Amino acid sequence: MIWFLLVIALPRYLGSTSLGGKVGGAINLGKLASRDTYTVGELPQAGIQVTLYPSCYPSIWTSAVSKVDGTAAVGTSRGIIIIKEIQHQWRDQGLELPSDVFALEFLRPDLLACGSRDGALRLVDTRLPTAYANSDPSFTIRHPSSITHIRQTNENHVVVCGPEDS
């Protein structure tokens, strides 16, 4: 299995994703212990840890974690998975999209920007049930090529880019 992304967010959440191999991709989530310092060579222990193997999402491409509440989003070959901790349990919600999701960025704790292979930048309200979020194409902006990176530069501006020479 190839691990390719590691994210630490504010309420001390640790998330990593893997592309997969013989068994498909995996999502690892943990909540770090609340200590501020560690001795040399000591790794922080996770208080809560879970590994998900989403069978209906064959490839995992990217992930992002909200810096405010620890909500995680994972971009896959079939859309996104939104994962939240609610009352010390992880809850996940899938949202199918028409194209692979290569880039994610939380613009606000409840607003997720998704960059896709088809050049669409889709905005998803993570508070809505998937049926509503999936049926509203009004929050889509088109880019001439695949979107591989998204960065919010300030409250009103987002920069997206694609592969080399695009």
C-alpha atoms as a PDB file:
ATOM      1  CA  MET A   1       0.000   0.000   0.000  1.00  0.00           C
ATOM      2  CA  ILE A   2       1.355   3.452  -0.902  1.00  0.00           C
ATOM      3  CA  TRP A   3       0.741   6.238   1.660  1.00  0.00           C
ATOM      4  CA  PHE A   4       0.716   9.640   0.077  1.00  0.00           C
ATOM      5  CA  LEU A   5      -0.927  12.294   2.220  1.00  0.00           C
ATOM      6  CA  LEU A   6      -0.764  13.207   5.877  1.00  0.00           C
ATOM      7  CA  VAL A   7      -2.770  16.045   7.429  1.00  0.00           C
ATOM      8  CA  ILE A   8      -2.872  17.369  10.995  1.00  0.00           C
ATOM      9  CA  ALA A   9      -5.752  19.730  11.790  1.00  0.00           C
ATOM     10  CA  LEU A  10      -6.538  21.911  14.749  1.00  0.00           C
ATOM     11  CA  PRO A  11      -8.473  19.808  17.188  1.00  0.00           C
ATOM     12  CA  ARG A  12      -5.409  17.516  16.907  1.00  0.00           C
ATOM     13  CA  TYR A  13      -6.765  15.196  14.224  1.00  0.00           C
ATOM     14  CA  LEU A  14      -4.352  13.163  12.137  1.00  0.00           C
ATOM     15  CA  GLY A  15      -5.477  11.880   8.753  1.00  0.00           C
ATOM     16  CA  SER A  16      -3.731   9.948   6.020  1.00  0.00           C
ATOM     17  CA  THR A  17      -4.878   8.333   2.810  1.00  0.00           C
ATOM     18  CA  SER A  18      -3.373   5.684   0.577  1.00  0.00           C
ATOM     19  CA  LEU A  19      -3.815   5.063  -3.114  1.00  0.00           C
ATOM     20  CA  GLY A  20      -4.115   1.337  -2.616  1.00  0.00           C
ATOM     21  CA  GLY A  21      -2.615  -1.739  -4.167  1.00  0.00           C
ATOM     22  CA  LYS A  22      -4.037  -5.239  -4.083  1.00  0.00           C
ATOM     23  CA  VAL A  23      -6.872  -4.071  -1.779  1.00  0.00           C
ATOM     24  CA  GLY A  24      -7.986  -0.572  -2.825  1.00  0.00           C
ATOM     25  CA  GLY A  25      -7.341   2.641  -0.980  1.00  0.00           C
ATOM     26  CA  ALA A  26      -7.565   3.276   2.732  1.00  0.00           C
ATOM     27  CA  ILE A  27      -8.393   6.220   4.969  1.00  0.00           C
ATOM     28  CA  ASN A  28      -6.765   6.455   8.404  1.00  0.00           C
ATOM     29  CA  LEU A  29      -8.103   8.878  10.996  1.00  0.00           C
ATOM     30  CA  GLY A  30      -6.945   9.484  14.528  1.00  0.00           C
ATOM     31  CA  LYS A  31      -7.287  11.973  17.322  1.00  0.00           C
ATOM     32  CA  LEU A  32      -3.926  12.730  18.903  1.00  0.00           C
ATOM     33  CA  ALA A  33      -3.378  12.749  22.634  1.00  0.00           C
ATOM     34  CA  SER A  34      -3.571  16.223  24.133  1.00  0.00           C
ATOM     35  CA  ARG A  35       0.075  16.542  25.187  1.00  0.00           C
ATOM     36  CA  ASP A  36       1.985  19.481  23.756  1.00  0.00           C
ATOM     37  CA  THR A  37       5.526  18.078  23.958  1.00  0.00           C
ATOM     38  CA  TYR A  38       7.100  14.719  23.247  1.00  0.00           C
ATOM     39  CA  THR A  39      10.585  13.385  23.910  1.00  0.00           C
ATOM     40  CA  VAL A  40      12.956  12.642  21.031  1.00  0.00           C
ATOM     41  CA  GLY A  41      11.910   9.464  19.234  1.00  0.00           C
ATOM     42  CA  GLU A  42       8.518   9.310  20.933  1.00  0.00           C
ATOM     43  CA  LEU A  43       5.481   9.258  18.658  1.00  0.00           C
ATOM     44  CA  PRO A  44       2.198  10.800  19.769  1.00  0.00           C
ATOM     45  CA  GLN A  45      -0.380   8.148  20.583  1.00  0.00           C
ATOM     46  CA  ALA A  46      -3.834   8.463  19.095  1.00  0.00           C
ATOM     47  CA  GLY A  47      -6.739   8.513  21.510  1.00  0.00           C
ATOM     48  CA  ILE A  48      -9.231   7.445  18.823  1.00  0.00           C
ATOM     49  CA  GLN A  49      -8.097   5.724  15.647  1.00  0.00           C
ATOM     50  CA  VAL A  50      -9.921   4.146  12.729  1.00  0.00           C
ATOM     51  CA  THR A  51      -9.007   2.780   9.291  1.00  0.00           C
ATOM     52  CA  LEU A  52     -11.639   2.743   6.561  1.00  0.00           C
ATOM     53  CA  TYR A  53     -11.464   0.675   3.372  1.00  0.00           C
ATOM     54  CA  PRO A  54     -14.249   2.150   1.213  1.00  0.00           C
ATOM     55  CA  SER A  55     -15.041  -0.705  -1.185  1.00  0.00           C
ATOM     56  CA  CYS A  56     -17.279   1.341  -3.483  1.00  0.00           C
ATOM     57  CA  TYR A  57     -14.527   3.952  -4.088  1.00  0.00           C
ATOM     58  CA  PRO A  58     -11.685   2.098  -5.866  1.00  0.00           C
ATOM     59  CA  SER A  59      -9.103   4.915  -5.974  1.00  0.00           C
ATOM     60  CA  ILE A  60      -8.390   7.543  -3.342  1.00  0.00           C
ATOM     61  CA  TRP A  61      -6.675  10.634  -4.770  1.00  0.00           C
ATOM     62  CA  THR A  62      -6.612  13.358  -2.131  1.00  0.00           C
ATOM     63  CA  SER A  63      -7.842  14.480   1.272  1.00  0.00           C
ATOM     64  CA  ALA A  64      -8.348  17.610   3.353  1.00  0.00           C
ATOM     65  CA  VAL A  65      -9.240  18.323   6.959  1.00  0.00           C
ATOM     66  CA  SER A  66     -11.133  21.367   8.220  1.00  0.00           C
ATOM     67  CA  LYS A  67      -8.919  23.417  10.518  1.00  0.00           C
ATOM     68  CA  VAL A  68     -11.926  24.388  12.637  1.00  0.00           C
ATOM     69  CA  ASP A  69     -13.835  21.228  13.524  1.00  0.00           C
ATOM     70  CA  GLY A  70     -11.771  18.338  12.152  1.00  0.00           C
ATOM     71  CA  THR A  71     -14.251  17.332   9.440  1.00  0.00           C
ATOM     72  CA  ALA A  72     -12.327  15.299   6.857  1.00  0.00           C
ATOM     73  CA  ALA A  73     -13.008  15.035   3.136  1.00  0.00           C
ATOM     74  CA  VAL A  74     -11.522  12.427   0.818  1.00  0.00           C
ATOM     75  CA  GLY A  75     -11.449  12.727  -2.984  1.00  0.00           C
ATOM     76  CA  THR A  76     -11.960   9.459  -4.839  1.00  0.00           C
ATOM     77  CA  SER A  77     -12.528   8.119  -8.335  1.00  0.00           C
ATOM     78  CA  ARG A  78     -16.291   8.326  -7.784  1.00  0.00           C
ATOM     79  CA  GLY A  79     -16.720  11.529  -5.774  1.00  0.00           C
ATOM     80  CA  ILE A  80     -16.054  12.522  -2.186  1.00  0.00           C
ATOM     81  CA  ILE A  81     -16.432  11.028   1.259  1.00  0.00           C
ATOM     82  CA  ILE A  82     -17.086  13.427   4.148  1.00  0.00           C
ATOM     83  CA  ILE A  83     -16.119  12.114   7.589  1.00  0.00           C
ATOM     84  CA  LYS A  84     -17.086  13.778  10.878  1.00  0.00           C
ATOM     85  CA  GLU A  85     -16.617  12.861  14.508  1.00  0.00           C
ATOM     86  CA  ILE A  86     -19.993  13.008  16.244  1.00  0.00           C
ATOM     87  CA  GLN A  87     -20.179  12.036  19.922  1.00  0.00           C
ATOM     88  CA  HIS A  88     -16.839  10.183  19.765  1.00  0.00           C
ATOM     89  CA  GLN A  89     -17.854   8.141  16.700  1.00  0.00           C
ATOM     90  CA  TRP A  90     -16.766   8.641  13.090  1.00  0.00           C
ATOM     91  CA  ARG A  91     -19.658   9.169  10.661  1.00  0.00           C
ATOM     92  CA  ASP A  92     -19.130   9.082   6.912  1.00  0.00           C
ATOM     93  CA  GLN A  93     -21.260  10.310   4.039  1.00  0.00           C
ATOM     94  CA  GLY A  94     -20.548   9.659   0.353  1.00  0.00           C
ATOM     95  CA  LEU A  95     -21.334  12.060  -2.459  1.00  0.00           C
ATOM     96  CA  GLU A  96     -21.037  10.696  -5.991  1.00  0.00           C
ATOM     97  CA  LEU A  97     -19.720  13.141  -8.578  1.00  0.00           C
ATOM     98  CA  PRO A  98     -19.407  12.653 -12.354  1.00  0.00           C
ATOM     99  CA  SER A  99     -15.583  12.785 -12.316  1.00  0.00           C
ATOM    100  CA  ASP A 100     -12.518  11.837 -10.237  1.00  0.00           C
ATOM    101  CA  VAL A 101     -11.773  14.356  -7.467  1.00  0.00           C
ATOM    102  CA  PHE A 102      -8.071  15.330  -7.509  1.00  0.00           C
ATOM    103  CA  ALA A 103      -8.083  18.377  -5.169  1.00  0.00           C
ATOM    104  CA  LEU A 104      -9.955  19.496  -2.057  1.00  0.00           C
ATOM    105  CA  GLU A 105      -9.924  22.667   0.047  1.00  0.00           C
ATOM    106  CA  PHE A 106     -12.188  23.688   2.920  1.00  0.00           C
ATOM    107  CA  LEU A 107     -13.138  27.317   2.229  1.00  0.00           C
ATOM    108  CA  ARG A 108     -15.142  27.442   5.474  1.00  0.00           C
ATOM    109  CA  PRO A 109     -15.868  24.667   7.977  1.00  0.00           C
ATOM    110  CA  ASP A 110     -19.049  23.799   6.044  1.00  0.00           C
ATOM    111  CA  LEU A 111     -18.004  24.693   2.469  1.00  0.00           C
ATOM    112  CA  LEU A 112     -15.755  22.356   0.484  1.00  0.00           C
ATOM    113  CA  ALA A 113     -14.203  23.099  -2.924  1.00  0.00           C
ATOM    114  CA  CYS A 114     -13.661  19.969  -5.058  1.00  0.00           C
ATOM    115  CA  GLY A 115     -11.416  20.023  -8.144  1.00  0.00           C
ATOM    116  CA  SER A 116     -12.075  17.294 -10.706  1.00  0.00           C
ATOM    117  CA  ARG A 117     -10.534  15.509 -13.664  1.00  0.00           C
ATOM    118  CA  ASP A 118     -13.240  17.025 -15.911  1.00  0.00           C
ATOM    119  CA  GLY A 119     -12.110  20.590 -15.032  1.00  0.00           C
ATOM    120  CA  ALA A 120     -15.051  21.340 -12.750  1.00  0.00           C
ATOM    121  CA  LEU A 121     -14.618  23.179  -9.468  1.00  0.00           C
ATOM    122  CA  ARG A 122     -17.632  22.123  -7.418  1.00  0.00           C
ATOM    123  CA  LEU A 123     -18.661  23.765  -4.150  1.00  0.00           C
ATOM    124  CA  VAL A 124     -20.292  21.406  -1.657  1.00  0.00           C
ATOM    125  CA  ASP A 125     -22.102  22.431   1.523  1.00  0.00           C
ATOM    126  CA  THR A 126     -21.103  19.678   3.961  1.00  0.00           C
ATOM    127  CA  ARG A 127     -24.164  20.347   6.163  1.00  0.00           C
ATOM    128  CA  LEU A 128     -26.608  19.177   3.480  1.00  0.00           C
ATOM    129  CA  PRO A 129     -27.668  15.577   2.959  1.00  0.00           C
ATOM    130  CA  THR A 130     -25.984  14.101  -0.116  1.00  0.00           C
ATOM    131  CA  ALA A 131     -29.217  14.041  -2.131  1.00  0.00           C
ATOM    132  CA  TYR A 132     -29.399  17.848  -2.038  1.00  0.00           C
ATOM    133  CA  ALA A 133     -25.684  18.463  -2.510  1.00  0.00           C
ATOM    134  CA  ASN A 134     -25.573  16.055  -5.449  1.00  0.00           C
ATOM    135  CA  SER A 135     -28.531  17.544  -7.312  1.00  0.00           C
ATOM    136  CA  ASP A 136     -27.501  21.227  -7.476  1.00  0.00           C
ATOM    137  CA  PRO A 137     -25.186  22.040 -10.424  1.00  0.00           C
ATOM    138  CA  SER A 138     -25.376  25.803  -9.759  1.00  0.00           C
ATOM    139  CA  PHE A 139     -22.224  25.718  -7.652  1.00  0.00           C
ATOM    140  CA  THR A 140     -19.888  24.579 -10.456  1.00  0.00           C
ATOM    141  CA  ILE A 141     -17.158  26.619 -12.148  1.00  0.00           C
ATOM    142  CA  ARG A 142     -15.312  25.286 -15.220  1.00  0.00           C
ATOM    143  CA  HIS A 143     -11.536  25.232 -15.734  1.00  0.00           C
ATOM    144  CA  PRO A 144     -10.044  24.358 -19.163  1.00  0.00           C
ATOM    145  CA  SER A 145      -8.240  21.264 -17.818  1.00  0.00           C
ATOM    146  CA  SER A 146      -8.186  18.927 -14.829  1.00  0.00           C
ATOM    147  CA  ILE A 147      -7.877  20.634 -11.446  1.00  0.00           C
ATOM    148  CA  THR A 148      -5.073  19.217  -9.330  1.00  0.00           C
ATOM    149  CA  HIS A 149      -4.579  21.984  -6.735  1.00  0.00           C
ATOM    150  CA  ILE A 150      -6.880  24.440  -4.941  1.00  0.00           C
ATOM    151  CA  ARG A 151      -5.779  27.193  -2.566  1.00  0.00           C
ATOM    152  CA  GLN A 152      -7.885  29.865  -0.914  1.00  0.00           C
ATOM    153  CA  THR A 153      -5.821  33.076  -0.930  1.00  0.00           C
ATOM    154  CA  ASN A 154      -8.280  35.135   1.135  1.00  0.00           C
ATOM    155  CA  GLU A 155     -11.953  35.149   2.048  1.00  0.00           C
ATOM    156  CA  ASN A 156     -13.036  36.045  -1.514  1.00  0.00           C
ATOM    157  CA  HIS A 157     -10.405  34.448  -3.792  1.00  0.00           C
ATOM    158  CA  VAL A 158      -9.510  30.898  -4.750  1.00  0.00           C
ATOM    159  CA  VAL A 159      -6.668  29.858  -7.068  1.00  0.00           C
ATOM    160  CA  VAL A 160      -6.855  26.571  -8.985  1.00  0.00           C
ATOM    161  CA  CYS A 161      -4.329  24.944 -11.273  1.00  0.00           C
ATOM    162  CA  GLY A 162      -4.016  21.831 -13.343  1.00  0.00           C
ATOM    163  CA  PRO A 163      -1.287  19.520 -14.557  1.00  0.00           C
ATOM    164  CA  GLU A 164       1.865  20.860 -16.193  1.00  0.00           C
ATOM    165  CA  ASP A 165       1.282  22.734 -19.493  1.00  0.00           C
ATOM    166  CA  SER A 166      -2.426  23.308 -18.867  1.00  0.00           C
END
